[in-house]
Amino acid sequence: MEIGSILTWIIVGLIAGVLADLVVRRINVGLIGAIIVGILGALLGGWLFGLLGISIGTGILADIIAAFVGAVILLLLLRAVRGGRR
């Protein structure tokens, strides 16, 4: 894997994670958490869009949209798990 690819994953993850953290209140995952949630969200979002047959195009904007959708889903699941414990 090239350094450019890794940086792209980190940047997409950061953008998607931060946006998802702003949308899903009461989580506050922090900077590193936002990157991790964004990267995991990209995997989940890409898988879900493929499973549903939804094509959102190609390019970095499409990657950010897929990552954002997946990250929001992950944060909602995290909030549900955390909320159940309190």
C-alpha atoms as a PDB file:
ATOM      1  CA  MET A   1       0.000   0.000   0.000  1.00  0.00           C
ATOM      2  CA  GLU A   2       1.366   3.396  -0.969  1.00  0.00           C
ATOM      3  CA  ILE A   3       1.765   6.307   1.422  1.00  0.00           C
ATOM      4  CA  GLY A   4      -0.656   8.320  -0.746  1.00  0.00           C
ATOM      5  CA  SER A   5      -3.352   5.683  -0.317  1.00  0.00           C
ATOM      6  CA  ILE A   6      -2.856   5.600   3.425  1.00  0.00           C
ATOM      7  CA  LEU A   7      -3.073   9.393   3.635  1.00  0.00           C
ATOM      8  CA  THR A   8      -6.235   9.353   1.538  1.00  0.00           C
ATOM      9  CA  TRP A   9      -7.829   6.800   3.885  1.00  0.00           C
ATOM     10  CA  ILE A  10      -6.870   8.911   6.890  1.00  0.00           C
ATOM     11  CA  ILE A  11      -8.192  12.140   5.359  1.00  0.00           C
ATOM     12  CA  VAL A  12     -11.469  10.538   4.221  1.00  0.00           C
ATOM     13  CA  GLY A  13     -11.816   8.887   7.637  1.00  0.00           C
ATOM     14  CA  LEU A  14     -11.149  12.145   9.433  1.00  0.00           C
ATOM     15  CA  ILE A  15     -13.671  14.135   7.391  1.00  0.00           C
ATOM     16  CA  ALA A  16     -16.374  11.467   7.608  1.00  0.00           C
ATOM     17  CA  GLY A  17     -15.734  10.786  11.293  1.00  0.00           C
ATOM     18  CA  VAL A  18     -15.818  14.438  12.305  1.00  0.00           C
ATOM     19  CA  LEU A  19     -19.008  15.072  10.304  1.00  0.00           C
ATOM     20  CA  ALA A  20     -20.664  11.975  11.778  1.00  0.00           C
ATOM     21  CA  ASP A  21     -19.594  13.040  15.274  1.00  0.00           C
ATOM     22  CA  LEU A  22     -21.271  16.410  14.695  1.00  0.00           C
ATOM     23  CA  VAL A  23     -24.488  14.746  13.494  1.00  0.00           C
ATOM     24  CA  VAL A  24     -24.713  12.081  16.200  1.00  0.00           C
ATOM     25  CA  ARG A  25     -24.751  13.998  19.461  1.00  0.00           C
ATOM     26  CA  ARG A  26     -23.412  12.872  22.859  1.00  0.00           C
ATOM     27  CA  ILE A  27     -20.596  10.671  21.538  1.00  0.00           C
ATOM     28  CA  ASN A  28     -17.481  12.895  21.271  1.00  0.00           C
ATOM     29  CA  VAL A  29     -15.017  10.314  19.961  1.00  0.00           C
ATOM     30  CA  GLY A  30     -12.070  12.714  19.635  1.00  0.00           C
ATOM     31  CA  LEU A  31      -9.705  13.159  16.709  1.00  0.00           C
ATOM     32  CA  ILE A  32      -8.192   9.655  16.591  1.00  0.00           C
ATOM     33  CA  GLY A  33     -11.608   8.137  17.295  1.00  0.00           C
ATOM     34  CA  ALA A  34     -13.097  10.150  14.428  1.00  0.00           C
ATOM     35  CA  ILE A  35     -10.452   8.814  12.048  1.00  0.00           C
ATOM     36  CA  ILE A  36     -11.062   5.233  13.175  1.00  0.00           C
ATOM     37  CA  VAL A  37     -14.846   5.608  13.008  1.00  0.00           C
ATOM     38  CA  GLY A  38     -14.538   7.218   9.572  1.00  0.00           C
ATOM     39  CA  ILE A  39     -12.339   4.436   8.192  1.00  0.00           C
ATOM     40  CA  LEU A  40     -14.581   1.726   9.637  1.00  0.00           C
ATOM     41  CA  GLY A  41     -17.563   3.708   8.366  1.00  0.00           C
ATOM     42  CA  ALA A  42     -16.043   3.706   4.873  1.00  0.00           C
ATOM     43  CA  LEU A  43     -15.860  -0.074   4.957  1.00  0.00           C
ATOM     44  CA  LEU A  44     -19.411  -0.393   6.289  1.00  0.00           C
ATOM     45  CA  GLY A  45     -20.846   2.251   3.960  1.00  0.00           C
ATOM     46  CA  GLY A  46     -19.154   0.783   0.891  1.00  0.00           C
ATOM     47  CA  TRP A  47     -20.375  -2.677   1.796  1.00  0.00           C
ATOM     48  CA  LEU A  48     -23.946  -1.470   2.421  1.00  0.00           C
ATOM     49  CA  PHE A  49     -24.135   0.546  -0.794  1.00  0.00           C
ATOM     50  CA  GLY A  50     -22.824  -2.445  -2.745  1.00  0.00           C
ATOM     51  CA  LEU A  51     -25.253  -4.793  -1.018  1.00  0.00           C
ATOM     52  CA  LEU A  52     -28.198  -2.518  -1.813  1.00  0.00           C
ATOM     53  CA  GLY A  53     -26.996  -1.877  -5.368  1.00  0.00           C
ATOM     54  CA  ILE A  54     -26.676   1.855  -4.793  1.00  0.00           C
ATOM     55  CA  SER A  55     -24.052   3.635  -6.875  1.00  0.00           C
ATOM     56  CA  ILE A  56     -22.971   7.044  -5.638  1.00  0.00           C
ATOM     57  CA  GLY A  57     -20.211   7.456  -8.192  1.00  0.00           C
ATOM     58  CA  THR A  58     -16.467   7.451  -7.925  1.00  0.00           C
ATOM     59  CA  GLY A  59     -13.931   9.831  -6.491  1.00  0.00           C
ATOM     60  CA  ILE A  60     -13.129  11.254  -3.128  1.00  0.00           C
ATOM     61  CA  LEU A  61     -16.543  12.867  -2.612  1.00  0.00           C
ATOM     62  CA  ALA A  62     -18.289   9.523  -3.132  1.00  0.00           C
ATOM     63  CA  ASP A  63     -15.824   7.937  -0.691  1.00  0.00           C
ATOM     64  CA  ILE A  64     -16.570  10.609   1.908  1.00  0.00           C
ATOM     65  CA  ILE A  65     -20.342  10.166   1.481  1.00  0.00           C
ATOM     66  CA  ALA A  66     -20.117   6.378   1.875  1.00  0.00           C
ATOM     67  CA  ALA A  67     -17.786   6.754   4.862  1.00  0.00           C
ATOM     68  CA  PHE A  68     -20.075   9.350   6.450  1.00  0.00           C
ATOM     69  CA  VAL A  69     -23.151   7.115   6.141  1.00  0.00           C
ATOM     70  CA  GLY A  70     -21.263   4.158   7.599  1.00  0.00           C
ATOM     71  CA  ALA A  71     -19.772   6.292  10.389  1.00  0.00           C
ATOM     72  CA  VAL A  72     -23.198   7.633  11.369  1.00  0.00           C
ATOM     73  CA  ILE A  73     -24.510   4.063  11.578  1.00  0.00           C
ATOM     74  CA  LEU A  74     -21.531   3.037  13.723  1.00  0.00           C
ATOM     75  CA  LEU A  75     -21.954   6.010  16.060  1.00  0.00           C
ATOM     76  CA  LEU A  76     -25.680   5.359  16.417  1.00  0.00           C
ATOM     77  CA  LEU A  77     -24.885   1.760  17.361  1.00  0.00           C
ATOM     78  CA  LEU A  78     -22.249   2.980  19.822  1.00  0.00           C
ATOM     79  CA  ARG A  79     -24.699   5.424  21.378  1.00  0.00           C
ATOM     80  CA  ALA A  80     -27.295   2.660  21.707  1.00  0.00           C
ATOM     81  CA  VAL A  81     -24.781   0.403  23.458  1.00  0.00           C
ATOM     82  CA  ARG A  82     -23.487   3.163  25.730  1.00  0.00           C
ATOM     83  CA  GLY A  83     -27.000   4.386  26.478  1.00  0.00           C
ATOM     84  CA  GLY A  84     -28.083   0.928  27.547  1.00  0.00           C
ATOM     85  CA  ARG A  85     -25.319   0.738  30.143  1.00  0.00           C
ATOM     86  CA  ARG A  86     -26.056   4.058  31.855  1.00  0.00           C
END
